[in-house]
């Protein structure tokens, strides 16, 4: 188990005054069966009142409006979380059993349909079907499919953007964690395995020193349902460990962006992001 302190600062600068902005932030982790939030808080500048709630998919949301003129918007989320590893456990369900189980819960039914971001390339569907045909256990198939996607796509920033689809990222064979998650989810859904998008943070150093602050980043991975929900990080081709801090889940990135909003003012804006992670135990 690790204790991680996370500071995530983001926001916008504008070339002129913005008369008003309306925003939602999904930057604070929640307590689950594998992580415990010891403390968390979010600060907004210019100062304003905030409304906190948990959305439909179980993600903590901080909603706020800034109705005074401003040329800068800054949001800083701070949290301290204890995290334990979440190794994959195959429960031995059959394909027929999965088909029955997946139809019994809205949580799984909603994660079976493709979205515009996860719609897979024909080659990805072929890979997924080929692997699935070799396994009687869909959980083992899901694991191998996810690893195959991680092996096939090269991590490279700057090639894709937040609107890039799984189909487009696969054609480039390059992308970031968001793209690999979308491709893997599309592949799993194509063979009848419910899969969902997970957003959070990843400490970049497996053997991080205690008390040393390092530059981190928002991260994305996946979870699939094969009798139980299991997590996997296709970007790094590793199971979910005590370096992964979960913030939100959804059908794709569109359900869990760290910051989303609208504003009235200059057409252009500049986004800034900084994540710092410190291991404390």
Foldseek 3Di string as FASTA:
>chain_A
DFKKKKKKKKWWFAPFKFQKKKKKFLADFDDDPFKHWPDKDKAKPVHFDWDWDADPQGFIMIITMDRHIDRIIMMMMITIMFGFFFDDDFPDFFPVRLLVVLVPDPVNVQQLDADQQQQEDPVLLVVLVVLCVVDRQLSVSLLVSLQVLLVQAAEDPPPDDPPHHLHRRNVVSYYHQQNSQSPSSSNSSSSPKRKKKWKFWFDPDPPDDAPDKDWTDIHMWMWIDRPHIATARSNVSGGGGRRTGTRGMDNGVVVHPRMDIDTGDDPDMDMDMTMIMGTHD
